[in-house]
Protein backbone atom coordinates (compact mmCIF):
# COMPACT_ATOMS: atom_id res chain seq x y z
CA MET A 1 0.00 0.00 0.00
CA GLU A 2 1.16 3.51 -0.79
CA PRO A 3 1.79 5.54 2.37
CA HIS A 4 -0.39 8.52 3.24
CA ARG A 5 1.20 11.17 5.42
CA CYS A 6 -0.41 13.94 7.47
CA ALA A 7 0.89 16.18 10.26
CA VAL A 8 0.20 19.07 12.58
CA LEU A 9 2.39 22.16 12.27
CA GLY A 10 2.91 24.99 14.72
CA SER A 11 5.36 26.69 17.03
CA PRO A 12 5.58 25.58 19.76
CA ILE A 13 4.19 22.14 18.88
CA GLY A 14 5.41 19.81 21.64
CA HIS A 15 2.18 20.20 23.61
CA SER A 16 -0.09 19.16 20.73
CA LEU A 17 -2.40 16.19 21.25
CA SER A 18 -3.38 16.09 17.57
CA PRO A 19 -1.11 13.11 16.76
CA GLN A 20 -2.83 10.98 19.41
CA LEU A 21 -6.28 11.93 18.12
CA HIS A 22 -5.60 11.40 14.43
CA ARG A 23 -3.71 8.15 14.98
CA ALA A 24 -6.63 6.84 17.07
CA ALA A 25 -8.95 7.72 14.18
CA TYR A 26 -6.74 5.88 11.68
CA ALA A 27 -6.67 2.81 13.94
CA ALA A 28 -10.46 2.84 14.32
CA LEU A 29 -10.90 3.14 10.55
CA GLY A 30 -8.34 0.46 9.74
CA LEU A 31 -6.11 2.91 7.85
CA THR A 32 -2.84 1.11 8.53
CA ASP A 33 -0.94 2.95 5.79
CA TRP A 34 -1.69 6.44 7.22
CA THR A 35 0.72 8.29 9.50
CA TYR A 36 0.38 11.54 11.42
CA GLU A 37 3.29 13.49 12.91
CA ALA A 38 4.03 16.83 14.58
CA HIS A 39 6.49 19.34 13.10
CA GLU A 40 7.82 22.56 14.60
CA VAL A 41 7.19 25.16 11.88
CA ASP A 42 6.88 28.94 12.28
CA GLU A 43 5.32 31.48 9.94
CA ALA A 44 8.59 32.14 8.12
CA GLY A 45 9.07 28.44 7.39
CA LEU A 46 5.51 27.45 6.45
CA ALA A 47 5.57 28.08 2.70
CA GLY A 48 8.90 26.30 2.30
CA PHE A 49 7.72 23.30 4.33
CA VAL A 50 4.59 22.92 2.21
CA ALA A 51 6.51 23.37 -1.04
CA GLY A 52 8.84 20.54 -0.08
CA LEU A 53 6.14 17.92 0.52
CA GLY A 54 6.02 14.90 -1.77
CA PRO A 55 2.95 13.22 -3.29
CA GLU A 56 2.51 10.94 -0.28
CA TRP A 57 1.42 13.95 1.80
CA VAL A 58 -2.36 14.35 2.04
CA GLY A 59 -3.11 17.06 4.57
CA LEU A 60 -1.88 19.31 7.35
CA SER A 61 -3.39 20.59 10.56
CA LEU A 62 -2.32 24.13 11.47
CA THR A 63 -2.14 25.55 14.96
CA MET A 64 -0.74 28.82 16.26
CA PRO A 65 0.84 30.90 14.84
CA LEU A 66 0.03 29.56 11.35
CA LYS A 67 -3.73 29.97 11.04
CA HIS A 68 -3.56 33.25 9.16
CA ALA A 69 -0.39 32.52 7.18
CA VAL A 70 -1.91 29.36 5.67
CA LEU A 71 -4.61 31.37 3.90
CA GLY A 72 -2.06 32.35 1.25
CA LEU A 73 -1.08 28.77 0.43
CA GLY A 74 -4.29 27.61 -1.20
CA THR A 75 -7.92 28.43 -1.91
CA PRO A 76 -9.64 29.28 1.37
CA SER A 77 -13.18 28.06 2.01
CA ALA A 78 -15.90 30.63 2.62
CA LEU A 79 -15.62 30.01 6.37
CA ALA A 80 -11.83 30.40 6.41
CA ARG A 81 -12.11 33.66 4.47
CA LEU A 82 -14.85 34.95 6.75
CA VAL A 83 -12.97 34.43 10.02
CA GLY A 84 -9.53 35.15 8.56
CA ALA A 85 -8.06 31.85 9.70
CA GLY A 86 -7.58 28.29 8.50
CA ASN A 87 -6.56 25.23 10.49
CA THR A 88 -6.54 22.62 7.72
CA LEU A 89 -4.65 22.37 4.45
CA VAL A 90 -5.83 19.63 2.08
CA LEU A 91 -3.02 19.11 -0.40
CA ASP A 92 -3.44 18.83 -4.16
CA HIS A 93 -0.62 17.25 -6.15
CA THR A 94 -2.34 17.37 -9.56
CA GLY A 95 -1.44 20.98 -10.31
CA GLY A 96 -4.55 22.49 -8.76
CA PRO A 97 -4.60 24.70 -5.66
CA HIS A 98 -4.48 23.31 -2.15
CA ARG A 99 -7.66 23.76 -0.08
CA VAL A 100 -7.68 25.79 3.14
CA GLU A 101 -10.47 24.86 5.54
CA ASN A 102 -11.50 25.91 9.04
CA THR A 103 -12.77 23.01 11.14
CA ASP A 104 -12.58 25.05 14.35
CA VAL A 105 -15.89 26.59 13.24
CA THR A 106 -17.62 23.38 12.19
CA GLY A 107 -16.12 21.52 15.15
CA MET A 108 -17.51 24.00 17.66
CA THR A 109 -20.97 23.78 16.13
CA ALA A 110 -20.78 19.98 16.14
CA ALA A 111 -19.59 19.83 19.76
CA LEU A 112 -22.48 22.03 20.88
CA SER A 113 -24.92 19.88 18.90
CA ARG A 114 -23.55 16.71 20.54
CA ALA A 115 -24.25 18.37 23.90
CA GLY A 116 -27.85 18.96 22.88
CA VAL A 117 -27.47 22.63 21.94
CA THR A 118 -29.12 22.82 18.53
CA HIS A 119 -30.74 26.25 18.85
CA ALA A 120 -29.97 29.47 20.68
CA ASP A 121 -30.86 33.12 20.15
CA THR A 122 -28.26 34.82 22.33
CA ALA A 123 -24.66 34.26 23.36
CA LEU A 124 -21.82 35.73 25.41
CA LEU A 125 -18.23 35.71 24.12
CA ILE A 126 -15.28 36.11 26.47
CA GLY A 127 -12.46 37.49 24.34
CA ALA A 128 -12.42 38.97 20.86
CA GLY A 129 -9.56 37.39 18.90
CA ALA A 130 -9.39 34.79 16.14
CA THR A 131 -11.13 32.09 18.21
CA ALA A 132 -13.94 34.52 19.00
CA ARG A 133 -14.41 35.13 15.27
CA SER A 134 -14.67 31.38 14.77
CA ALA A 135 -17.18 31.21 17.63
CA LEU A 136 -19.40 33.83 15.97
CA ALA A 137 -19.45 31.73 12.81
CA ALA A 138 -20.04 28.52 14.79
CA LEU A 139 -22.98 30.02 16.69
CA ALA A 140 -24.71 31.38 13.58
CA PRO A 141 -26.11 27.99 12.41
CA LEU A 142 -27.75 27.62 15.83
CA GLY A 143 -29.68 30.83 15.23
CA VAL A 144 -27.63 33.16 17.45
CA ARG A 145 -28.19 36.75 16.38
CA ALA A 146 -27.51 38.77 19.57
CA VAL A 147 -24.03 38.44 21.07
CA GLY A 148 -22.54 40.13 24.11
CA VAL A 149 -18.75 40.40 24.04
CA MET A 150 -16.48 41.00 27.01
CA ALA A 151 -13.17 42.33 25.68
CA ARG A 152 -10.04 43.99 27.01
CA SER A 153 -10.12 46.56 24.21
CA ALA A 154 -13.41 47.67 22.66
CA GLU A 155 -11.56 49.19 19.72
CA ARG A 156 -9.72 45.96 18.89
CA ALA A 157 -12.89 43.93 19.48
CA HIS A 158 -14.85 45.99 16.98
CA ALA A 159 -12.05 45.72 14.41
CA SER A 160 -11.86 41.95 14.88
CA LEU A 161 -15.52 41.01 15.18
CA ASP A 162 -17.64 43.63 13.39
CA PRO A 163 -16.96 42.38 9.83
CA VAL A 164 -17.85 38.80 10.77
CA ALA A 165 -20.96 39.83 12.71
CA ALA A 166 -22.15 42.04 9.86
CA HIS A 167 -21.79 39.18 7.39
CA LEU A 168 -23.74 36.86 9.71
CA ASP A 169 -26.39 39.48 10.56
CA GLN A 170 -25.46 39.35 14.25
CA ARG A 171 -25.79 42.26 16.67
CA LEU A 172 -22.86 42.79 19.01
CA GLU A 173 -22.83 44.45 22.42
CA ILE A 174 -19.19 44.95 23.34
CA VAL A 175 -18.33 45.79 26.95
CA GLY A 176 -15.10 46.17 28.89
CA TRP A 177 -13.27 43.39 30.71
CA GLY A 178 -15.00 42.53 33.97
CA ARG A 179 -18.39 43.88 32.90
CA LEU A 180 -21.35 41.77 31.85
CA PRO A 181 -23.38 42.85 28.79
CA MET A 182 -27.12 43.36 28.86
CA VAL A 183 -27.67 40.35 26.58
CA ALA A 184 -28.99 37.37 28.56
CA PRO A 185 -26.91 34.54 27.04
CA GLN A 186 -28.21 31.07 26.32
CA VAL A 187 -24.66 29.99 25.46
CA THR A 188 -21.36 31.37 26.77
CA VAL A 189 -18.14 30.73 24.85
CA ALA A 190 -14.90 31.56 26.67
CA THR A 191 -12.19 32.04 24.06
CA ALA A 192 -9.57 33.68 26.29
CA PRO A 193 -6.56 31.34 26.61
CA THR A 194 -5.92 32.28 30.25
CA GLU A 195 -7.79 31.69 33.50
CA LEU A 196 -10.26 34.28 34.77
CA ALA A 197 -10.09 35.70 38.27
CA PRO A 198 -12.35 33.68 40.62
CA ASP A 199 -14.80 36.53 41.33
CA LEU A 200 -15.24 37.29 37.63
CA ALA A 201 -15.53 33.59 36.82
CA ALA A 202 -18.30 33.23 39.39
CA ARG A 203 -20.27 36.14 37.92
CA ILE A 204 -19.98 34.84 34.35
CA GLY A 205 -20.57 31.20 35.29
CA ALA A 206 -23.92 32.07 36.82
CA VAL A 207 -25.47 33.74 33.78
CA SER A 208 -25.71 31.01 31.13
CA PRO A 209 -27.16 27.49 31.00
CA VAL A 210 -24.37 26.35 28.65
CA LEU A 211 -20.64 27.10 28.91
CA PHE A 212 -18.03 26.23 26.27
CA ASP A 213 -14.56 26.95 27.67
CA ILE A 214 -11.78 26.39 25.11
CA ILE A 215 -9.21 25.58 27.81
CA TYR A 216 -8.70 21.89 28.62
CA ASP A 217 -5.57 21.94 30.73
CA PRO A 218 -5.60 22.76 33.59
CA TRP A 219 -9.16 21.63 34.22
CA PRO A 220 -11.57 22.54 35.60
CA THR A 221 -11.05 26.23 35.13
CA ALA A 222 -12.49 28.63 37.68
CA LEU A 223 -15.16 29.49 35.10
CA ALA A 224 -16.07 25.86 34.46
CA ALA A 225 -16.26 25.13 38.19
CA ALA A 226 -18.52 28.13 38.71
CA ALA A 227 -20.82 27.06 35.88
CA GLU A 228 -20.99 23.48 37.15
CA ARG A 229 -21.93 24.71 40.64
CA VAL A 230 -25.11 26.28 39.24
CA GLY A 231 -25.95 23.25 37.09
CA ALA A 232 -24.88 24.56 33.69
CA ALA A 233 -23.87 22.20 30.90
CA VAL A 234 -20.10 22.54 30.44
CA LEU A 235 -17.93 21.73 27.43
CA ASP A 236 -14.15 22.04 27.41
CA GLY A 237 -11.38 22.50 24.89
CA MET A 238 -11.07 18.74 24.39
CA ASP A 239 -14.63 18.67 23.04
CA LEU A 240 -13.53 21.24 20.46
CA LEU A 241 -10.20 19.56 19.73
CA ALA A 242 -11.84 16.19 19.09
CA ALA A 243 -14.70 17.57 17.00
CA GLN A 244 -12.48 19.68 14.76
CA ALA A 245 -10.04 16.76 14.37
CA ALA A 246 -12.86 14.42 13.34
CA ASP A 247 -13.76 16.90 10.63
CA GLN A 248 -10.12 17.05 9.53
CA VAL A 249 -10.01 13.25 9.32
CA ARG A 250 -13.05 13.36 7.03
CA LEU A 251 -11.48 16.03 4.82
CA MET A 252 -8.16 14.21 4.57
CA THR A 253 -9.26 10.56 4.34
CA GLY A 254 -12.81 10.80 3.02
CA ARG A 255 -13.95 8.63 5.93
CA GLU A 256 -16.19 9.44 8.90
CA VAL A 257 -14.96 8.60 12.38
CA ASP A 258 -16.93 8.54 15.63
CA VAL A 259 -15.83 11.62 17.57
CA GLU A 260 -16.00 9.53 20.76
CA VAL A 261 -12.90 7.67 19.53
CA LEU A 262 -10.97 10.93 19.41
CA LEU A 263 -12.35 12.19 22.72
CA SER A 264 -11.27 8.99 24.49
CA ALA A 265 -7.79 9.16 22.95
CA GLY A 266 -7.40 12.82 23.85
CA ARG A 267 -8.52 12.44 27.43
CA ALA A 268 -6.29 9.38 27.90
CA ALA A 269 -3.28 11.26 26.50
CA LEU A 270 -4.01 14.24 28.73
CA ALA A 271 -4.33 12.01 31.81
CA ALA A 272 -1.00 10.34 30.98
CA ARG A 273 0.66 13.74 30.56
CA ARG A 274 -0.59 14.89 33.95
CA GLU A 275 0.58 11.69 35.64
CA GLY A 276 3.98 11.95 33.95
């Protein structure tokens, strides 16, 4: 059998759990000739790395800081163009353009749906960067049209989020860090990569019946613990990582894998890392 190679690229990359997830998917699907690796690649080296790949290479996962740089290496999907970021490069060796996809968006929608969240009118976003743009796009299929945003800089938040919200016909209420917007959220998505102060976490955790916190280590976060105390449904970053990876597996292999396979592999790898 001809080998099929895939990998995750980023810098730093040593922390990535993507190899464990994708390899678990290949094992479950019986794809014994598929391999998945991790490579340390920064923005300056991305184009050269991709240009040097042989025909056995099928696809790449992109993590920070490569999600914007990859847009110039192929034809971005409508979602990748909208949010200004891609996390998947499907390679074409026939002379056509590579495809740039964003499964962070579709993965977030899918993870919420798996948790029973198939419709919502309102949402709260914590943070206003690239992941927040993906969250806006992920919430749109659920029907979310009114979004409160807590951001450290209103000016930067408007610059980042307004174009996406306008395209999706969403109304934004942007407030300063530590304030809660007037919007009563049915879903809260915390996209900030750092922990919140306990008092702020308690205030936010109490306002929404569903919390999606993109952090998965350390866990639980102060925000997740606060939400669980009031009986909210809580999703973590592993739910997102597994769902977006399952979508990448489909794009790269053409096969569907049960996301539970990836979740189990990811949680086992994380537990082993903590014990080690």
